[in-house]
């Protein structure tokens, strides 16, 4: 089992056919976290945009990992969004993204948050994994891919 499978709940996977901007994605995941983890949507939105102002969290190859710190959050929280239409994200390769992994960490984040970001970078650098996510048509399929992923030895 990998770190991501422990933090990504099936209910926090969103197939989004509507969003066309970072702002809208952050609003949608804010609502998702508010409904599923009782984290105020405004807190989520503000945290993600504050981090994004420091520099884009777009990795390239259609992937972004927006992340932010949340006051009084006890445990790491995660969501995954696959958009129907690629969204401009100021990624280093200039390409828009449609695979978005959102990570919320406690204000006093530990090394665990860096380990999670490292594991996500490994996952998303795997073309087969990215293509699998793109091929999935429902959240159960996406959750299975994250759950079954193992780092190449």
C-alpha atoms as a PDB file:
ATOM      1  CA  UNK A   1       0.000   0.000   0.000  1.00  0.00           C
ATOM      2  CA  UNK A   2       1.279   3.476  -0.854  1.00  0.00           C
ATOM      3  CA  UNK A   3       0.870   6.755   1.047  1.00  0.00           C
ATOM      4  CA  UNK A   4      -1.669   8.127  -1.413  1.00  0.00           C
ATOM      5  CA  UNK A   5      -4.049   5.188  -1.052  1.00  0.00           C
ATOM      6  CA  UNK A   6      -4.221   5.992   2.684  1.00  0.00           C
ATOM      7  CA  UNK A   7      -5.309   9.612   2.191  1.00  0.00           C
ATOM      8  CA  UNK A   8      -7.387   9.658  -1.021  1.00  0.00           C
ATOM      9  CA  UNK A   9     -10.978   8.777  -0.147  1.00  0.00           C
ATOM     10  CA  UNK A  10     -13.227   7.490  -2.955  1.00  0.00           C
ATOM     11  CA  UNK A  11     -15.686  10.328  -2.198  1.00  0.00           C
ATOM     12  CA  UNK A  12     -12.932  12.864  -2.878  1.00  0.00           C
ATOM     13  CA  UNK A  13     -12.525  11.932  -6.526  1.00  0.00           C
ATOM     14  CA  UNK A  14     -14.266  14.284  -8.920  1.00  0.00           C
ATOM     15  CA  UNK A  15     -14.861  13.833 -12.627  1.00  0.00           C
ATOM     16  CA  UNK A  16     -15.381  17.429 -13.707  1.00  0.00           C
ATOM     17  CA  UNK A  17     -16.989  18.221 -17.039  1.00  0.00           C
ATOM     18  CA  UNK A  18     -17.675  21.883 -16.235  1.00  0.00           C
ATOM     19  CA  UNK A  19     -14.620  23.685 -14.858  1.00  0.00           C
ATOM     20  CA  UNK A  20     -12.542  25.783 -17.222  1.00  0.00           C
ATOM     21  CA  UNK A  21     -10.235  27.610 -14.788  1.00  0.00           C
ATOM     22  CA  UNK A  22      -8.049  27.143 -11.713  1.00  0.00           C
ATOM     23  CA  UNK A  23     -10.447  29.337  -9.785  1.00  0.00           C
ATOM     24  CA  UNK A  24     -13.405  27.096 -10.578  1.00  0.00           C
ATOM     25  CA  UNK A  25     -11.441  23.931  -9.707  1.00  0.00           C
ATOM     26  CA  UNK A  26     -10.438  25.428  -6.356  1.00  0.00           C
ATOM     27  CA  UNK A  27     -14.079  26.373  -5.696  1.00  0.00           C
ATOM     28  CA  UNK A  28     -15.260  22.853  -6.543  1.00  0.00           C
ATOM     29  CA  UNK A  29     -12.678  21.101  -4.347  1.00  0.00           C
ATOM     30  CA  UNK A  30     -13.425  23.607  -1.575  1.00  0.00           C
ATOM     31  CA  UNK A  31     -17.049  22.482  -1.664  1.00  0.00           C
ATOM     32  CA  UNK A  32     -15.950  18.833  -1.784  1.00  0.00           C
ATOM     33  CA  UNK A  33     -13.746  19.206   1.313  1.00  0.00           C
ATOM     34  CA  UNK A  34     -16.456  21.184   3.095  1.00  0.00           C
ATOM     35  CA  UNK A  35     -19.048  18.467   2.453  1.00  0.00           C
ATOM     36  CA  UNK A  36     -16.788  15.464   3.099  1.00  0.00           C
ATOM     37  CA  UNK A  37     -14.288  16.629   5.755  1.00  0.00           C
ATOM     38  CA  UNK A  38     -15.983  19.709   7.258  1.00  0.00           C
ATOM     39  CA  UNK A  39     -13.143  22.004   6.151  1.00  0.00           C
ATOM     40  CA  UNK A  40     -14.514  25.448   5.262  1.00  0.00           C
ATOM     41  CA  UNK A  41     -14.532  25.932   1.502  1.00  0.00           C
ATOM     42  CA  UNK A  42     -13.203  29.495   1.870  1.00  0.00           C
ATOM     43  CA  UNK A  43     -10.229  28.166   3.827  1.00  0.00           C
ATOM     44  CA  UNK A  44      -9.475  25.605   1.110  1.00  0.00           C
ATOM     45  CA  UNK A  45      -9.836  28.155  -1.686  1.00  0.00           C
ATOM     46  CA  UNK A  46      -7.690  30.778   0.060  1.00  0.00           C
ATOM     47  CA  UNK A  47      -4.981  28.284   0.995  1.00  0.00           C
ATOM     48  CA  UNK A  48      -4.698  26.885  -2.535  1.00  0.00           C
ATOM     49  CA  UNK A  49      -4.602  30.339  -4.144  1.00  0.00           C
ATOM     50  CA  UNK A  50      -2.058  31.620  -1.617  1.00  0.00           C
ATOM     51  CA  UNK A  51       0.261  28.736  -2.522  1.00  0.00           C
ATOM     52  CA  UNK A  52      -0.399  29.165  -6.236  1.00  0.00           C
ATOM     53  CA  UNK A  53       0.694  32.826  -6.063  1.00  0.00           C
ATOM     54  CA  UNK A  54       4.151  31.618  -4.981  1.00  0.00           C
ATOM     55  CA  UNK A  55       4.465  29.698  -8.234  1.00  0.00           C
ATOM     56  CA  UNK A  56       2.413  27.329 -10.305  1.00  0.00           C
ATOM     57  CA  UNK A  57       1.826  23.839  -8.940  1.00  0.00           C
ATOM     58  CA  UNK A  58       1.507  22.567 -12.505  1.00  0.00           C
ATOM     59  CA  UNK A  59       4.074  19.813 -13.034  1.00  0.00           C
ATOM     60  CA  UNK A  60       3.736  19.410 -16.782  1.00  0.00           C
ATOM     61  CA  UNK A  61       2.417  16.517 -18.875  1.00  0.00           C
ATOM     62  CA  UNK A  62      -1.167  17.519 -18.021  1.00  0.00           C
ATOM     63  CA  UNK A  63      -0.676  17.257 -14.228  1.00  0.00           C
ATOM     64  CA  UNK A  64      -0.952  19.731 -11.343  1.00  0.00           C
ATOM     65  CA  UNK A  65      -0.623  19.203  -7.591  1.00  0.00           C
ATOM     66  CA  UNK A  66      -2.096  22.265  -5.897  1.00  0.00           C
ATOM     67  CA  UNK A  67      -1.507  22.116  -2.164  1.00  0.00           C
ATOM     68  CA  UNK A  68      -1.984  24.297   0.861  1.00  0.00           C
ATOM     69  CA  UNK A  69      -1.747  24.508   4.620  1.00  0.00           C
ATOM     70  CA  UNK A  70      -4.913  24.616   6.683  1.00  0.00           C
ATOM     71  CA  UNK A  71      -5.013  25.942  10.263  1.00  0.00           C
ATOM     72  CA  UNK A  72      -6.398  23.444  12.793  1.00  0.00           C
ATOM     73  CA  UNK A  73      -6.347  20.590  10.257  1.00  0.00           C
ATOM     74  CA  UNK A  74      -5.310  17.422  12.110  1.00  0.00           C
ATOM     75  CA  UNK A  75      -4.547  15.046   9.243  1.00  0.00           C
ATOM     76  CA  UNK A  76      -3.569  15.360   5.607  1.00  0.00           C
ATOM     77  CA  UNK A  77      -6.575  15.529   3.270  1.00  0.00           C
ATOM     78  CA  UNK A  78      -6.572  14.843  -0.457  1.00  0.00           C
ATOM     79  CA  UNK A  79      -8.798  15.063  -3.504  1.00  0.00           C
ATOM     80  CA  UNK A  80      -8.318  14.192  -7.156  1.00  0.00           C
ATOM     81  CA  UNK A  81      -9.989  15.948 -10.066  1.00  0.00           C
ATOM     82  CA  UNK A  82      -9.985  14.765 -13.653  1.00  0.00           C
ATOM     83  CA  UNK A  83     -11.352  17.452 -15.942  1.00  0.00           C
ATOM     84  CA  UNK A  84     -13.056  16.858 -19.254  1.00  0.00           C
ATOM     85  CA  UNK A  85     -11.375  19.941 -20.704  1.00  0.00           C
ATOM     86  CA  UNK A  86      -7.711  20.803 -20.056  1.00  0.00           C
ATOM     87  CA  UNK A  87      -7.236  23.925 -17.895  1.00  0.00           C
ATOM     88  CA  UNK A  88      -4.431  26.494 -18.161  1.00  0.00           C
ATOM     89  CA  UNK A  89      -2.215  26.055 -15.097  1.00  0.00           C
ATOM     90  CA  UNK A  90       1.058  27.786 -15.993  1.00  0.00           C
ATOM     91  CA  UNK A  91       2.862  24.426 -16.017  1.00  0.00           C
ATOM     92  CA  UNK A  92       6.577  24.446 -16.951  1.00  0.00           C
ATOM     93  CA  UNK A  93       5.875  22.752 -20.301  1.00  0.00           C
ATOM     94  CA  UNK A  94       3.170  25.323 -21.135  1.00  0.00           C
ATOM     95  CA  UNK A  95       0.549  22.601 -21.491  1.00  0.00           C
ATOM     96  CA  UNK A  96      -2.871  22.799 -19.806  1.00  0.00           C
ATOM     97  CA  UNK A  97      -3.747  20.192 -17.183  1.00  0.00           C
ATOM     98  CA  UNK A  98      -6.621  17.791 -16.646  1.00  0.00           C
ATOM     99  CA  UNK A  99      -5.210  15.581 -13.861  1.00  0.00           C
ATOM    100  CA  UNK A 100      -5.258  17.578 -10.615  1.00  0.00           C
ATOM    101  CA  UNK A 101      -4.316  16.156  -7.229  1.00  0.00           C
ATOM    102  CA  UNK A 102      -5.192  18.523  -4.364  1.00  0.00           C
ATOM    103  CA  UNK A 103      -3.367  18.121  -1.071  1.00  0.00           C
ATOM    104  CA  UNK A 104      -4.227  19.883   2.189  1.00  0.00           C
ATOM    105  CA  UNK A 105      -1.795  19.641   5.078  1.00  0.00           C
ATOM    106  CA  UNK A 106      -1.842  20.861   8.682  1.00  0.00           C
ATOM    107  CA  UNK A 107      -0.370  24.297   9.287  1.00  0.00           C
ATOM    108  CA  UNK A 108       2.616  22.682  10.978  1.00  0.00           C
ATOM    109  CA  UNK A 109       3.236  20.094   8.303  1.00  0.00           C
ATOM    110  CA  UNK A 110       5.711  17.307   8.914  1.00  0.00           C
ATOM    111  CA  UNK A 111       8.031  15.339   6.662  1.00  0.00           C
ATOM    112  CA  UNK A 112       4.999  13.235   5.754  1.00  0.00           C
ATOM    113  CA  UNK A 113       3.728  16.009   3.498  1.00  0.00           C
ATOM    114  CA  UNK A 114       7.039  16.046   1.608  1.00  0.00           C
ATOM    115  CA  UNK A 115       6.955  12.246   1.316  1.00  0.00           C
ATOM    116  CA  UNK A 116       3.442  12.458  -0.126  1.00  0.00           C
ATOM    117  CA  UNK A 117       4.483  15.121  -2.655  1.00  0.00           C
ATOM    118  CA  UNK A 118       7.457  12.945  -3.614  1.00  0.00           C
ATOM    119  CA  UNK A 119       5.260   9.905  -4.115  1.00  0.00           C
ATOM    120  CA  UNK A 120       2.820  11.947  -6.215  1.00  0.00           C
ATOM    121  CA  UNK A 121       5.678  13.188  -8.388  1.00  0.00           C
ATOM    122  CA  UNK A 122       6.770   9.565  -8.921  1.00  0.00           C
ATOM    123  CA  UNK A 123       3.235   8.462  -9.775  1.00  0.00           C
ATOM    124  CA  UNK A 124       2.622  11.237 -12.244  1.00  0.00           C
ATOM    125  CA  UNK A 125       5.995  10.825 -13.943  1.00  0.00           C
ATOM    126  CA  UNK A 126       4.801   7.345 -14.967  1.00  0.00           C
ATOM    127  CA  UNK A 127       3.182   7.692 -18.411  1.00  0.00           C
ATOM    128  CA  UNK A 128       1.342   4.395 -18.014  1.00  0.00           C
ATOM    129  CA  UNK A 129      -0.220   5.619 -14.752  1.00  0.00           C
ATOM    130  CA  UNK A 130      -1.256   8.959 -16.311  1.00  0.00           C
ATOM    131  CA  UNK A 131      -2.732   7.199 -19.341  1.00  0.00           C
ATOM    132  CA  UNK A 132      -4.624   4.842 -17.040  1.00  0.00           C
ATOM    133  CA  UNK A 133      -6.169   7.806 -15.210  1.00  0.00           C
ATOM    134  CA  UNK A 134      -7.125   9.406 -18.524  1.00  0.00           C
ATOM    135  CA  UNK A 135      -8.782   6.167 -19.638  1.00  0.00           C
ATOM    136  CA  UNK A 136     -10.875   5.831 -16.455  1.00  0.00           C
ATOM    137  CA  UNK A 137     -14.490   6.840 -16.835  1.00  0.00           C
ATOM    138  CA  UNK A 138     -15.542   6.653 -13.184  1.00  0.00           C
ATOM    139  CA  UNK A 139     -14.159   7.440  -9.751  1.00  0.00           C
ATOM    140  CA  UNK A 140     -13.928   3.756  -8.736  1.00  0.00           C
ATOM    141  CA  UNK A 141     -11.484   3.093 -11.586  1.00  0.00           C
ATOM    142  CA  UNK A 142      -9.388   6.124 -10.586  1.00  0.00           C
ATOM    143  CA  UNK A 143      -9.348   5.093  -6.931  1.00  0.00           C
ATOM    144  CA  UNK A 144      -8.241   1.572  -7.912  1.00  0.00           C
ATOM    145  CA  UNK A 145      -5.306   2.960  -9.921  1.00  0.00           C
ATOM    146  CA  UNK A 146      -4.103   5.070  -6.990  1.00  0.00           C
ATOM    147  CA  UNK A 147      -4.648   2.207  -4.547  1.00  0.00           C
ATOM    148  CA  UNK A 148      -2.757  -0.358  -6.651  1.00  0.00           C
ATOM    149  CA  UNK A 149       0.174   1.854  -7.676  1.00  0.00           C
ATOM    150  CA  UNK A 150       3.600   0.696  -6.528  1.00  0.00           C
ATOM    151  CA  UNK A 151       6.866   2.545  -6.974  1.00  0.00           C
ATOM    152  CA  UNK A 152       9.212   0.968  -9.484  1.00  0.00           C
ATOM    153  CA  UNK A 153      12.097  -0.630  -7.646  1.00  0.00           C
END
